[in-house]
């Protein structure tokens, strides 16, 4: 199963947090309520390590038995750059079921894919199995 996601942004209020939690629960239910053995959930999760949204994502991943495939293989990367080039963050992620995660040996973000449009459209993943 392949699921492409675009989760709510953190605008700092309780409503966006509740929307984020709700969306993570929907991801869990898609995976849990089917007979799917192998899953990939990839997309713009709008969360970076150390934020309240990342805590929600971590709990979602834990409860669904998925793996944070990209976070286990990358560090200090950016998947979003503002148009003016002044802001960047790591908000796009790749989650995989344990078998899928085990097949991925490395992930790279090639320089030619560094732009807000390409990264947002998930062209940044170069998986090496």
Protein backbone atom coordinates (compact mmCIF):
# COMPACT_ATOMS: atom_id res chain seq x y z
CA UNK A 1 0.00 0.00 0.00
CA UNK A 2 1.30 3.44 -0.91
CA UNK A 3 -0.22 6.49 0.76
CA UNK A 4 0.78 10.05 -0.12
CA UNK A 5 -0.11 12.59 2.57
CA UNK A 6 -0.27 16.32 3.11
CA UNK A 7 -0.88 17.03 6.79
CA UNK A 8 -2.08 20.29 8.37
CA UNK A 9 0.42 23.05 9.20
CA UNK A 10 1.11 24.18 12.75
CA UNK A 11 -0.37 27.64 13.11
CA UNK A 12 0.15 27.56 16.86
CA UNK A 13 -3.42 27.07 18.00
CA UNK A 14 -5.30 24.10 19.42
CA UNK A 15 -7.44 23.65 16.30
CA UNK A 16 -4.47 22.85 14.07
CA UNK A 17 -3.12 20.40 16.66
CA UNK A 18 -6.47 18.62 16.79
CA UNK A 19 -6.58 18.51 12.97
CA UNK A 20 -3.08 17.03 12.93
CA UNK A 21 -3.97 14.38 15.51
CA UNK A 22 -7.15 13.54 13.57
CA UNK A 23 -5.20 13.13 10.32
CA UNK A 24 -2.62 10.89 12.00
CA UNK A 25 -5.46 8.76 13.36
CA UNK A 26 -6.83 8.44 9.82
CA UNK A 27 -3.43 7.21 8.63
CA UNK A 28 -3.39 4.66 11.43
CA UNK A 29 -6.90 3.47 10.60
CA UNK A 30 -6.05 3.02 6.91
CA UNK A 31 -3.16 0.77 7.88
CA UNK A 32 -4.84 -0.98 10.82
CA UNK A 33 -8.25 -1.60 9.20
CA UNK A 34 -6.89 -3.40 6.15
CA UNK A 35 -5.02 -6.62 5.53
CA UNK A 36 -2.02 -4.69 4.21
CA UNK A 37 1.30 -6.26 5.09
CA UNK A 38 3.67 -3.79 3.40
CA UNK A 39 3.05 -0.06 3.55
CA UNK A 40 4.71 3.19 2.56
CA UNK A 41 3.38 6.50 3.82
CA UNK A 42 5.21 9.41 2.27
CA UNK A 43 4.62 13.11 2.00
CA UNK A 44 4.50 16.50 3.61
CA UNK A 45 3.95 15.79 7.28
CA UNK A 46 4.54 19.47 8.16
CA UNK A 47 6.56 18.56 11.21
CA UNK A 48 10.18 18.67 12.12
CA UNK A 49 12.01 16.96 14.95
CA UNK A 50 11.47 18.65 18.30
CA UNK A 51 8.03 20.13 17.59
CA UNK A 52 4.66 19.26 19.06
CA UNK A 53 3.59 17.85 15.68
CA UNK A 54 6.62 15.57 15.64
CA UNK A 55 5.57 14.16 19.01
CA UNK A 56 2.14 13.35 17.54
CA UNK A 57 3.73 11.78 14.46
CA UNK A 58 6.05 9.67 16.63
CA UNK A 59 3.10 8.31 18.61
CA UNK A 60 1.22 7.62 15.36
CA UNK A 61 4.17 5.70 13.94
CA UNK A 62 4.61 3.74 17.15
CA UNK A 63 0.96 2.70 17.40
CA UNK A 64 0.76 1.65 13.74
CA UNK A 65 4.05 -0.28 13.90
CA UNK A 66 5.51 1.77 11.05
CA UNK A 67 9.13 2.94 10.93
CA UNK A 68 10.50 6.46 10.45
CA UNK A 69 12.55 5.24 7.51
CA UNK A 70 14.03 8.61 6.54
CA UNK A 71 14.86 9.74 10.06
CA UNK A 72 16.77 6.52 10.73
CA UNK A 73 19.00 7.16 7.69
CA UNK A 74 19.35 10.94 7.42
CA UNK A 75 20.41 13.80 9.67
CA UNK A 76 20.59 17.56 9.30
CA UNK A 77 18.75 17.65 5.98
CA UNK A 78 16.12 20.01 4.65
CA UNK A 79 13.17 19.07 2.51
CA UNK A 80 11.60 22.52 2.34
CA UNK A 81 13.15 25.81 1.29
CA UNK A 82 11.19 29.05 1.17
CA UNK A 83 11.06 30.84 -2.17
CA UNK A 84 13.35 33.59 -0.86
CA UNK A 85 15.83 30.97 0.39
CA UNK A 86 15.85 32.35 3.94
CA UNK A 87 13.98 29.52 5.66
CA UNK A 88 14.36 25.79 5.47
CA UNK A 89 13.20 22.76 7.43
CA UNK A 90 12.79 19.00 7.32
CA UNK A 91 9.02 18.48 7.09
CA UNK A 92 8.65 15.73 4.49
CA UNK A 93 9.03 12.17 5.68
CA UNK A 94 9.04 8.55 4.54
CA UNK A 95 7.38 5.93 6.76
CA UNK A 96 7.52 2.25 5.99
CA UNK A 97 6.31 -1.01 7.41
CA UNK A 98 9.15 -3.05 8.97
CA UNK A 99 9.74 -5.12 5.81
CA UNK A 100 9.81 -2.04 3.57
CA UNK A 101 12.08 -0.27 6.05
CA UNK A 102 14.43 -3.25 5.98
CA UNK A 103 14.72 -3.06 2.19
CA UNK A 104 15.89 0.57 2.23
CA UNK A 105 19.64 0.85 2.70
CA UNK A 106 19.98 4.58 2.22
CA UNK A 107 18.09 7.71 1.30
CA UNK A 108 19.60 10.70 -0.43
CA UNK A 109 18.37 14.18 -1.30
CA UNK A 110 20.31 15.10 -4.44
CA UNK A 111 21.10 18.83 -4.87
CA UNK A 112 19.14 19.03 -8.13
CA UNK A 113 15.95 18.30 -6.18
CA UNK A 114 16.38 21.14 -3.72
CA UNK A 115 13.56 23.57 -4.49
CA UNK A 116 10.27 24.22 -2.77
CA UNK A 117 8.23 22.89 -5.71
CA UNK A 118 10.17 19.68 -6.37
CA UNK A 119 10.54 18.72 -2.74
CA UNK A 120 6.90 19.39 -1.96
CA UNK A 121 5.99 17.12 -4.85
CA UNK A 122 8.05 14.31 -3.29
CA UNK A 123 10.74 14.14 -5.93
CA UNK A 124 13.39 14.40 -3.23
CA UNK A 125 13.49 10.75 -2.30
CA UNK A 126 16.17 8.65 -3.89
CA UNK A 127 15.89 5.27 -2.25
CA UNK A 128 18.64 2.73 -2.55
CA UNK A 129 17.63 -0.82 -1.87
